[in-house]
PDB file of N, CA and C in Angstrom:
ATOM      1  N   MET A   1      19.048   3.505  -7.168  1.00  0.00           N
ATOM      2  CA  MET A   1      17.738   3.450  -7.794  1.00  0.00           C
ATOM      3  C   MET A   1      17.910   2.824  -9.180  1.00  0.00           C
ATOM      4  N   LYS A   2      17.020   1.931  -9.512  1.00  0.00           N
ATOM      5  CA  LYS A   2      17.044   1.362 -10.848  1.00  0.00           C
ATOM      6  C   LYS A   2      16.732   2.466 -11.853  1.00  0.00           C
ATOM      7  N   LYS A   3      17.263   2.322 -13.026  1.00  0.00           N
ATOM      8  CA  LYS A   3      17.040   3.289 -14.112  1.00  0.00           C
ATOM      9  C   LYS A   3      17.651   4.654 -13.799  1.00  0.00           C
ATOM     10  N   GLU A   4      18.638   4.682 -12.888  1.00  0.00           N
ATOM     11  CA  GLU A   4      19.257   5.944 -12.481  1.00  0.00           C
ATOM     12  C   GLU A   4      19.809   6.723 -13.679  1.00  0.00           C
ATOM     13  N   LYS A   5      20.506   6.042 -14.557  1.00  0.00           N
ATOM     14  CA  LYS A   5      21.099   6.703 -15.721  1.00  0.00           C
ATOM     15  C   LYS A   5      20.024   7.336 -16.602  1.00  0.00           C
ATOM     16  N   GLU A   6      18.944   6.600 -16.828  1.00  0.00           N
ATOM     17  CA  GLU A   6      17.869   7.111 -17.668  1.00  0.00           C
ATOM     18  C   GLU A   6      17.149   8.283 -17.014  1.00  0.00           C
ATOM     19  N   ILE A   7      16.964   8.207 -15.712  1.00  0.00           N
ATOM     20  CA  ILE A   7      16.295   9.301 -14.987  1.00  0.00           C
ATOM     21  C   ILE A   7      17.140  10.567 -15.066  1.00  0.00           C
ATOM     22  N   MET A   8      18.461  10.439 -14.911  1.00  0.00           N
ATOM     23  CA  MET A   8      19.342  11.603 -15.029  1.00  0.00           C
ATOM     24  C   MET A   8      19.306  12.163 -16.452  1.00  0.00           C
ATOM     25  N   GLN A   9      19.235  11.280 -17.442  1.00  0.00           N
ATOM     26  CA  GLN A   9      19.157  11.715 -18.840  1.00  0.00           C
ATOM     27  C   GLN A   9      17.888  12.531 -19.074  1.00  0.00           C
ATOM     28  N   ILE A  10      16.774  12.068 -18.532  1.00  0.00           N
ATOM     29  CA  ILE A  10      15.503  12.799 -18.650  1.00  0.00           C
ATOM     30  C   ILE A  10      15.632  14.169 -17.990  1.00  0.00           C
ATOM     31  N   ALA A  11      16.198  14.197 -16.782  1.00  0.00           N
ATOM     32  CA  ALA A  11      16.357  15.450 -16.044  1.00  0.00           C
ATOM     33  C   ALA A  11      17.193  16.447 -16.834  1.00  0.00           C
ATOM     34  N   GLU A  12      18.287  15.985 -17.363  1.00  0.00           N
ATOM     35  CA  GLU A  12      19.171  16.879 -18.107  1.00  0.00           C
ATOM     36  C   GLU A  12      18.544  17.329 -19.423  1.00  0.00           C
ATOM     37  N   HIS A  13      17.761  16.485 -20.030  1.00  0.00           N
ATOM     38  CA  HIS A  13      17.102  16.857 -21.281  1.00  0.00           C
ATOM     39  C   HIS A  13      16.102  18.000 -21.069  1.00  0.00           C
ATOM     40  N   TYR A  14      15.278  17.873 -20.039  1.00  0.00           N
ATOM     41  CA  TYR A  14      14.224  18.871 -19.814  1.00  0.00           C
ATOM     42  C   TYR A  14      14.675  20.048 -18.958  1.00  0.00           C
ATOM     43  N   GLY A  15      15.638  19.832 -18.084  1.00  0.00           N
ATOM     44  CA  GLY A  15      16.159  20.914 -17.259  1.00  0.00           C
ATOM     45  C   GLY A  15      15.334  21.195 -16.017  1.00  0.00           C
ATOM     46  N   TYR A  16      15.951  21.965 -15.133  1.00  0.00           N
ATOM     47  CA  TYR A  16      15.357  22.234 -13.820  1.00  0.00           C
ATOM     48  C   TYR A  16      14.021  22.963 -13.915  1.00  0.00           C
ATOM     49  N   LYS A  17      13.964  24.005 -14.701  1.00  0.00           N
ATOM     50  CA  LYS A  17      12.754  24.839 -14.751  1.00  0.00           C
ATOM     51  C   LYS A  17      11.517  24.005 -15.104  1.00  0.00           C
ATOM     52  N   ASN A  18      11.627  23.179 -16.120  1.00  0.00           N
ATOM     53  CA  ASN A  18      10.498  22.344 -16.538  1.00  0.00           C
ATOM     54  C   ASN A  18      10.208  21.252 -15.511  1.00  0.00           C
ATOM     55  N   GLN A  19      11.242  20.607 -15.026  1.00  0.00           N
ATOM     56  CA  GLN A  19      11.028  19.488 -14.109  1.00  0.00           C
ATOM     57  C   GLN A  19      10.516  19.954 -12.748  1.00  0.00           C
ATOM     58  N   LYS A  20      10.839  21.174 -12.366  1.00  0.00           N
ATOM     59  CA  LYS A  20      10.284  21.737 -11.134  1.00  0.00           C
ATOM     60  C   LYS A  20       8.765  21.832 -11.245  1.00  0.00           C
ATOM     61  N   LYS A  21       8.272  22.272 -12.390  1.00  0.00           N
ATOM     62  CA  LYS A  21       6.823  22.372 -12.608  1.00  0.00           C
ATOM     63  C   LYS A  21       6.171  20.990 -12.573  1.00  0.00           C
ATOM     64  N   ILE A  22       6.833  20.025 -13.183  1.00  0.00           N
ATOM     65  CA  ILE A  22       6.303  18.659 -13.191  1.00  0.00           C
ATOM     66  C   ILE A  22       6.284  18.092 -11.771  1.00  0.00           C
ATOM     67  N   LEU A  23       7.332  18.373 -10.996  1.00  0.00           N
ATOM     68  CA  LEU A  23       7.357  17.906  -9.602  1.00  0.00           C
ATOM     69  C   LEU A  23       6.164  18.462  -8.843  1.00  0.00           C
ATOM     70  N   ILE A  24       5.881  19.725  -8.999  1.00  0.00           N
ATOM     71  CA  ILE A  24       4.744  20.342  -8.301  1.00  0.00           C
ATOM     72  C   ILE A  24       3.440  19.668  -8.708  1.00  0.00           C
ATOM     73  N   GLU A  25       3.276  19.404 -10.002  1.00  0.00           N
ATOM     74  CA  GLU A  25       2.073  18.711 -10.472  1.00  0.00           C
ATOM     75  C   GLU A  25       1.973  17.316  -9.854  1.00  0.00           C
ATOM     76  N   GLU A  26       3.084  16.605  -9.839  1.00  0.00           N
ATOM     77  CA  GLU A  26       3.081  15.240  -9.297  1.00  0.00           C
ATOM     78  C   GLU A  26       2.806  15.235  -7.796  1.00  0.00           C
ATOM     79  N   LEU A  27       3.335  16.217  -7.081  1.00  0.00           N
ATOM     80  CA  LEU A  27       3.050  16.311  -5.643  1.00  0.00           C
ATOM     81  C   LEU A  27       1.560  16.536  -5.406  1.00  0.00           C
ATOM     82  N   SER A  28       0.971  17.381  -6.221  1.00  0.00           N
ATOM     83  CA  SER A  28      -0.464  17.638  -6.120  1.00  0.00           C
ATOM     84  C   SER A  28      -1.266  16.363  -6.374  1.00  0.00           C
ATOM     85  N   GLU A  29      -0.873  15.611  -7.390  1.00  0.00           N
ATOM     86  CA  GLU A  29      -1.564  14.358  -7.699  1.00  0.00           C
ATOM     87  C   GLU A  29      -1.393  13.341  -6.576  1.00  0.00           C
ATOM     88  N   LEU A  30      -0.231  13.341  -5.924  1.00  0.00           N
ATOM     89  CA  LEU A  30      -0.021  12.428  -4.799  1.00  0.00           C
ATOM     90  C   LEU A  30      -0.932  12.801  -3.626  1.00  0.00           C
ATOM     91  N   ILE A  31      -1.044  14.071  -3.356  1.00  0.00           N
ATOM     92  CA  ILE A  31      -1.943  14.519  -2.285  1.00  0.00           C
ATOM     93  C   ILE A  31      -3.366  14.044  -2.563  1.00  0.00           C
ATOM     94  N   GLN A  32      -3.818  14.225  -3.788  1.00  0.00           N
ATOM     95  CA  GLN A  32      -5.167  13.786  -4.156  1.00  0.00           C
ATOM     96  C   GLN A  32      -5.324  12.274  -4.005  1.00  0.00           C
ATOM     97  N   ALA A  33      -4.295  11.525  -4.382  1.00  0.00           N
ATOM     98  CA  ALA A  33      -4.356  10.064  -4.281  1.00  0.00           C
ATOM     99  C   ALA A  33      -4.433   9.615  -2.820  1.00  0.00           C
ATOM    100  N   VAL A  34      -3.689  10.275  -1.946  1.00  0.00           N
ATOM    101  CA  VAL A  34      -3.733   9.939  -0.514  1.00  0.00           C
ATOM    102  C   VAL A  34      -5.141  10.185   0.025  1.00  0.00           C
ATOM    103  N   ILE A  35      -5.720  11.301  -0.335  1.00  0.00           N
ATOM    104  CA  ILE A  35      -7.073  11.635   0.123  1.00  0.00           C
ATOM    105  C   ILE A  35      -8.080  10.602  -0.383  1.00  0.00           C
ATOM    106  N   LYS A  36      -7.968  10.214  -1.647  1.00  0.00           N
ATOM    107  CA  LYS A  36      -8.895   9.228  -2.211  1.00  0.00           C
ATOM    108  C   LYS A  36      -8.781   7.879  -1.520  1.00  0.00           C
ATOM    109  N   VAL A  37      -7.583   7.475  -1.161  1.00  0.00           N
ATOM    110  CA  VAL A  37      -7.416   6.202  -0.446  1.00  0.00           C
ATOM    111  C   VAL A  37      -8.069   6.293   0.929  1.00  0.00           C
ATOM    112  N   ASP A  38      -7.895   7.420   1.599  1.00  0.00           N
ATOM    113  CA  ASP A  38      -8.504   7.592   2.917  1.00  0.00           C
ATOM    114  C   ASP A  38     -10.024   7.605   2.858  1.00  0.00           C
ATOM    115  N   ARG A  39     -10.573   8.095   1.743  1.00  0.00           N
ATOM    116  CA  ARG A  39     -12.016   8.174   1.591  1.00  0.00           C
ATOM    117  C   ARG A  39     -12.597   7.017   0.792  1.00  0.00           C
ATOM    118  N   ALA A  40     -11.792   6.012   0.537  1.00  0.00           N
ATOM    119  CA  ALA A  40     -12.205   4.920  -0.355  1.00  0.00           C
ATOM    120  C   ALA A  40     -13.498   4.277   0.109  1.00  0.00           C
ATOM    121  N   GLU A  41     -14.437   4.245  -0.801  1.00  0.00           N
ATOM    122  CA  GLU A  41     -15.728   3.604  -0.571  1.00  0.00           C
ATOM    123  C   GLU A  41     -16.101   2.862  -1.839  1.00  0.00           C
ATOM    124  N   GLY A  42     -17.136   2.106  -1.749  1.00  0.00           N
ATOM    125  CA  GLY A  42     -17.619   1.409  -2.928  1.00  0.00           C
ATOM    126  C   GLY A  42     -17.121  -0.014  -2.969  1.00  0.00           C
ATOM    127  N   THR A  43     -17.006  -0.505  -4.170  1.00  0.00           N
ATOM    128  CA  THR A  43     -16.625  -1.901  -4.351  1.00  0.00           C
ATOM    129  C   THR A  43     -15.148  -2.091  -4.048  1.00  0.00           C
ATOM    130  N   LEU A  44     -14.773  -3.330  -3.836  1.00  0.00           N
ATOM    131  CA  LEU A  44     -13.365  -3.662  -3.625  1.00  0.00           C
ATOM    132  C   LEU A  44     -12.542  -3.197  -4.824  1.00  0.00           C
ATOM    133  N   SER A  45     -13.109  -3.325  -6.005  1.00  0.00           N
ATOM    134  CA  SER A  45     -12.435  -2.882  -7.227  1.00  0.00           C
ATOM    135  C   SER A  45     -12.112  -1.396  -7.167  1.00  0.00           C
ATOM    136  N   ASP A  46     -13.062  -0.597  -6.679  1.00  0.00           N
ATOM    137  CA  ASP A  46     -12.852   0.848  -6.547  1.00  0.00           C
ATOM    138  C   ASP A  46     -11.738   1.142  -5.535  1.00  0.00           C
ATOM    139  N   VAL A  47     -11.772   0.454  -4.425  1.00  0.00           N
ATOM    140  CA  VAL A  47     -10.771   0.654  -3.375  1.00  0.00           C
ATOM    141  C   VAL A  47      -9.384   0.295  -3.897  1.00  0.00           C
ATOM    142  N   LEU A  48      -9.278  -0.843  -4.579  1.00  0.00           N
ATOM    143  CA  LEU A  48      -7.988  -1.274  -5.116  1.00  0.00           C
ATOM    144  C   LEU A  48      -7.487  -0.331  -6.204  1.00  0.00           C
ATOM    145  N   LYS A  49      -8.397   0.218  -6.987  1.00  0.00           N
ATOM    146  CA  LYS A  49      -8.031   1.179  -8.023  1.00  0.00           C
ATOM    147  C   LYS A  49      -7.402   2.412  -7.381  1.00  0.00           C
ATOM    148  N   ASN A  50      -8.000   2.895  -6.291  1.00  0.00           N
ATOM    149  CA  ASN A  50      -7.446   4.046  -5.573  1.00  0.00           C
ATOM    150  C   ASN A  50      -6.070   3.722  -5.006  1.00  0.00           C
ATOM    151  N   TYR A  51      -5.922   2.519  -4.468  1.00  0.00           N
ATOM    152  CA  TYR A  51      -4.648   2.090  -3.896  1.00  0.00           C
ATOM    153  C   TYR A  51      -3.581   1.990  -4.987  1.00  0.00           C
ATOM    154  N   ASP A  52      -3.923   1.411  -6.114  1.00  0.00           N
ATOM    155  CA  ASP A  52      -2.984   1.307  -7.237  1.00  0.00           C
ATOM    156  C   ASP A  52      -2.570   2.692  -7.727  1.00  0.00           C
ATOM    157  N   ASN A  53      -3.517   3.618  -7.767  1.00  0.00           N
ATOM    158  CA  ASN A  53      -3.212   4.990  -8.172  1.00  0.00           C
ATOM    159  C   ASN A  53      -2.246   5.641  -7.186  1.00  0.00           C
ATOM    160  N   LEU A  54      -2.438   5.375  -5.904  1.00  0.00           N
ATOM    161  CA  LEU A  54      -1.529   5.911  -4.885  1.00  0.00           C
ATOM    162  C   LEU A  54      -0.103   5.425  -5.144  1.00  0.00           C
ATOM    163  N   ILE A  55       0.051   4.153  -5.437  1.00  0.00           N
ATOM    164  CA  ILE A  55       1.375   3.594  -5.715  1.00  0.00           C
ATOM    165  C   ILE A  55       2.001   4.287  -6.925  1.00  0.00           C
ATOM    166  N   GLU A  56       1.212   4.492  -7.967  1.00  0.00           N
ATOM    167  CA  GLU A  56       1.698   5.172  -9.177  1.00  0.00           C
ATOM    168  C   GLU A  56       2.175   6.590  -8.853  1.00  0.00           C
ATOM    169  N   GLU A  57       1.378   7.298  -8.064  1.00  0.00           N
ATOM    170  CA  GLU A  57       1.725   8.688  -7.747  1.00  0.00           C
ATOM    171  C   GLU A  57       2.960   8.775  -6.868  1.00  0.00           C
ATOM    172  N   ILE A  58       3.123   7.836  -5.945  1.00  0.00           N
ATOM    173  CA  ILE A  58       4.339   7.801  -5.134  1.00  0.00           C
ATOM    174  C   ILE A  58       5.551   7.608  -6.041  1.00  0.00           C
ATOM    175  N   ALA A  59       5.452   6.680  -6.988  1.00  0.00           N
ATOM    176  CA  ALA A  59       6.559   6.431  -7.918  1.00  0.00           C
ATOM    177  C   ALA A  59       6.875   7.687  -8.738  1.00  0.00           C
ATOM    178  N   ASP A  60       5.830   8.375  -9.216  1.00  0.00           N
ATOM    179  CA  ASP A  60       6.048   9.596  -9.998  1.00  0.00           C
ATOM    180  C   ASP A  60       6.798  10.644  -9.181  1.00  0.00           C
ATOM    181  N   VAL A  61       6.405  10.820  -7.925  1.00  0.00           N
ATOM    182  CA  VAL A  61       7.064  11.807  -7.066  1.00  0.00           C
ATOM    183  C   VAL A  61       8.503  11.394  -6.789  1.00  0.00           C
ATOM    184  N   GLU A  62       8.734  10.120  -6.541  1.00  0.00           N
ATOM    185  CA  GLU A  62      10.102   9.657  -6.303  1.00  0.00           C
ATOM    186  C   GLU A  62      10.998   9.948  -7.506  1.00  0.00           C
ATOM    187  N   ILE A  63      10.502   9.690  -8.693  1.00  0.00           N
ATOM    188  CA  ILE A  63      11.277   9.951  -9.912  1.00  0.00           C
ATOM    189  C   ILE A  63      11.588  11.437 -10.046  1.00  0.00           C
ATOM    190  N   MET A  64      10.583  12.262  -9.801  1.00  0.00           N
ATOM    191  CA  MET A  64      10.795  13.701  -9.953  1.00  0.00           C
ATOM    192  C   MET A  64      11.735  14.247  -8.878  1.00  0.00           C
ATOM    193  N   LEU A  65      11.605  13.759  -7.647  1.00  0.00           N
ATOM    194  CA  LEU A  65      12.527  14.196  -6.591  1.00  0.00           C
ATOM    195  C   LEU A  65      13.954  13.799  -6.936  1.00  0.00           C
ATOM    196  N   TYR A  66      14.121  12.612  -7.456  1.00  0.00           N
ATOM    197  CA  TYR A  66      15.441  12.153  -7.857  1.00  0.00           C
ATOM    198  C   TYR A  66      16.022  13.096  -8.920  1.00  0.00           C
ATOM    199  N   GLN A  67      15.192  13.496  -9.873  1.00  0.00           N
ATOM    200  CA  GLN A  67      15.654  14.402 -10.920  1.00  0.00           C
ATOM    201  C   GLN A  67      16.049  15.767 -10.358  1.00  0.00           C
ATOM    202  N   ILE A  68      15.223  16.306  -9.503  1.00  0.00           N
ATOM    203  CA  ILE A  68      15.510  17.627  -8.918  1.00  0.00           C
ATOM    204  C   ILE A  68      16.787  17.562  -8.083  1.00  0.00           C
ATOM    205  N   LYS A  69      16.925  16.511  -7.306  1.00  0.00           N
ATOM    206  CA  LYS A  69      18.152  16.353  -6.513  1.00  0.00           C
ATOM    207  C   LYS A  69      19.373  16.268  -7.421  1.00  0.00           C
ATOM    208  N   HIS A  70      19.244  15.569  -8.520  1.00  0.00           N
ATOM    209  CA  HIS A  70      20.353  15.458  -9.472  1.00  0.00           C
ATOM    210  C   HIS A  70      20.668  16.815 -10.097  1.00  0.00           C
ATOM    211  N   LEU A  71      19.647  17.494 -10.568  1.00  0.00           N
ATOM    212  CA  LEU A  71      19.854  18.773 -11.249  1.00  0.00           C
ATOM    213  C   LEU A  71      20.451  19.840 -10.337  1.00  0.00           C
ATOM    214  N   LEU A  72      20.122  19.799  -9.052  1.00  0.00           N
ATOM    215  CA  LEU A  72      20.623  20.796  -8.101  1.00  0.00           C
ATOM    216  C   LEU A  72      21.796  20.280  -7.266  1.00  0.00           C
ATOM    217  N   ALA A  73      22.260  19.065  -7.589  1.00  0.00           N
ATOM    218  CA  ALA A  73      23.378  18.442  -6.875  1.00  0.00           C
ATOM    219  C   ALA A  73      23.119  18.414  -5.367  1.00  0.00           C
ATOM    220  N   ILE A  74      21.954  17.906  -5.013  1.00  0.00           N
ATOM    221  CA  ILE A  74      21.546  17.821  -3.607  1.00  0.00           C
ATOM    222  C   ILE A  74      21.680  16.386  -3.131  1.00  0.00           C
ATOM    223  N   ASN A  75      22.289  16.238  -1.962  1.00  0.00           N
ATOM    224  CA  ASN A  75      22.354  14.934  -1.315  1.00  0.00           C
ATOM    225  C   ASN A  75      21.684  15.075   0.047  1.00  0.00           C
ATOM    226  N   THR A  76      20.629  14.342   0.260  1.00  0.00           N
ATOM    227  CA  THR A  76      19.864  14.458   1.504  1.00  0.00           C
ATOM    228  C   THR A  76      20.163  13.330   2.497  1.00  0.00           C
ATOM    229  N   ASP A  77      21.095  12.452   2.169  1.00  0.00           N
ATOM    230  CA  ASP A  77      21.336  11.271   2.994  1.00  0.00           C
ATOM    231  C   ASP A  77      21.624  11.604   4.463  1.00  0.00           C
ATOM    232  N   GLU A  78      22.534  12.552   4.716  1.00  0.00           N
ATOM    233  CA  GLU A  78      22.886  12.890   6.092  1.00  0.00           C
ATOM    234  C   GLU A  78      21.700  13.496   6.843  1.00  0.00           C
ATOM    235  N   ILE A  79      20.966  14.366   6.182  1.00  0.00           N
ATOM    236  CA  ILE A  79      19.815  15.012   6.824  1.00  0.00           C
ATOM    237  C   ILE A  79      18.744  13.984   7.142  1.00  0.00           C
ATOM    238  N   VAL A  80      18.481  13.091   6.199  1.00  0.00           N
ATOM    239  CA  VAL A  80      17.491  12.034   6.431  1.00  0.00           C
ATOM    240  C   VAL A  80      17.921  11.186   7.628  1.00  0.00           C
ATOM    241  N   GLU A  81      19.186  10.815   7.667  1.00  0.00           N
ATOM    242  CA  GLU A  81      19.690   9.993   8.774  1.00  0.00           C
ATOM    243  C   GLU A  81      19.494  10.693  10.118  1.00  0.00           C
ATOM    244  N   LYS A  82      19.835  11.975  10.195  1.00  0.00           N
ATOM    245  CA  LYS A  82      19.679  12.733  11.443  1.00  0.00           C
ATOM    246  C   LYS A  82      18.211  12.837  11.854  1.00  0.00           C
ATOM    247  N   LYS A  83      17.337  13.100  10.884  1.00  0.00           N
ATOM    248  CA  LYS A  83      15.914  13.239  11.195  1.00  0.00           C
ATOM    249  C   LYS A  83      15.310  11.922  11.677  1.00  0.00           C
ATOM    250  N   VAL A  84      15.716  10.834  11.066  1.00  0.00           N
ATOM    251  CA  VAL A  84      15.218   9.521  11.491  1.00  0.00           C
ATOM    252  C   VAL A  84      15.726   9.207  12.897  1.00  0.00           C
ATOM    253  N   GLU A  85      16.995   9.438  13.140  1.00  0.00           N
ATOM    254  CA  GLU A  85      17.547   9.205  14.479  1.00  0.00           C
ATOM    255  C   GLU A  85      16.824  10.041  15.534  1.00  0.00           C
ATOM    256  N   ARG A  86      16.567  11.302  15.206  1.00  0.00           N
ATOM    257  CA  ARG A  86      15.873  12.192  16.149  1.00  0.00           C
ATOM    258  C   ARG A  86      14.474  11.676  16.452  1.00  0.00           C
ATOM    259  N   GLN A  87      13.770  11.206  15.428  1.00  0.00           N
ATOM    260  CA  GLN A  87      12.415  10.703  15.652  1.00  0.00           C
ATOM    261  C   GLN A  87      12.429   9.414  16.470  1.00  0.00           C
ATOM    262  N   ILE A  88      13.399   8.557  16.219  1.00  0.00           N
ATOM    263  CA  ILE A  88      13.525   7.323  17.010  1.00  0.00           C
ATOM    264  C   ILE A  88      13.756   7.674  18.474  1.00  0.00           C
ATOM    265  N   GLU A  89      14.570   8.669  18.741  1.00  0.00           N
ATOM    266  CA  GLU A  89      14.788   9.106  20.118  1.00  0.00           C
ATOM    267  C   GLU A  89      13.492   9.627  20.741  1.00  0.00           C
ATOM    268  N   ARG A  90      12.716  10.363  19.980  1.00  0.00           N
ATOM    269  CA  ARG A  90      11.423  10.848  20.479  1.00  0.00           C
ATOM    270  C   ARG A  90      10.507   9.679  20.824  1.00  0.00           C
ATOM    271  N   ILE A  91      10.487   8.680  19.962  1.00  0.00           N
ATOM    272  CA  ILE A  91       9.645   7.507  20.208  1.00  0.00           C
ATOM    273  C   ILE A  91      10.072   6.803  21.484  1.00  0.00           C
ATOM    274  N   LYS A  92      11.348   6.684  21.697  1.00  0.00           N
ATOM    275  CA  LYS A  92      11.879   6.019  22.902  1.00  0.00           C
ATOM    276  C   LYS A  92      11.447   6.735  24.172  1.00  0.00           C
ATOM    277  N   HIS A  93      11.250   8.037  24.094  1.00  0.00           N
ATOM    278  CA  HIS A  93      10.906   8.820  25.279  1.00  0.00           C
ATOM    279  C   HIS A  93       9.428   9.144  25.404  1.00  0.00           C
ATOM    280  N   GLU A  94       8.621   8.605  24.511  1.00  0.00           N
ATOM    281  CA  GLU A  94       7.179   8.842  24.601  1.00  0.00           C
ATOM    282  C   GLU A  94       6.610   8.125  25.820  1.00  0.00           C
ATOM    283  N   THR A  95       5.646   8.783  26.420  1.00  0.00           N
ATOM    284  CA  THR A  95       4.944   8.176  27.537  1.00  0.00           C
ATOM    285  C   THR A  95       3.725   7.429  26.988  1.00  0.00           C
ATOM    286  N   VAL A  96       3.609   6.180  27.368  1.00  0.00           N
ATOM    287  CA  VAL A  96       2.477   5.382  26.924  1.00  0.00           C
ATOM    288  C   VAL A  96       1.416   5.413  28.004  1.00  0.00           C
ATOM    289  N   TYR A  97       0.191   5.755  27.621  1.00  0.00           N
ATOM    290  CA  TYR A  97      -0.909   5.831  28.592  1.00  0.00           C
ATOM    291  C   TYR A  97      -1.854   4.679  28.391  1.00  0.00           C
TER     292      TYR A  97
END
């Protein structure tokens, strides 16, 4: 991830307790942004504004997850790989109607 060193510096400066609260706030904002994109109405400008906000909120959550993973020394690579493989297998066996 770009800015990895700076993100770790931020995480270590504020610590787990504070950054956990920020992660929860950012997750909430991401949920709201997803809902707004799904309900987007009005002018193209309004729709694009909602879409841009969604991108911002995704980035915020990614940064916070990276910090939490760093602070708790969590590596999710193997689990992510297994879950993706499992889902691909499910897709291969789906019945198409």
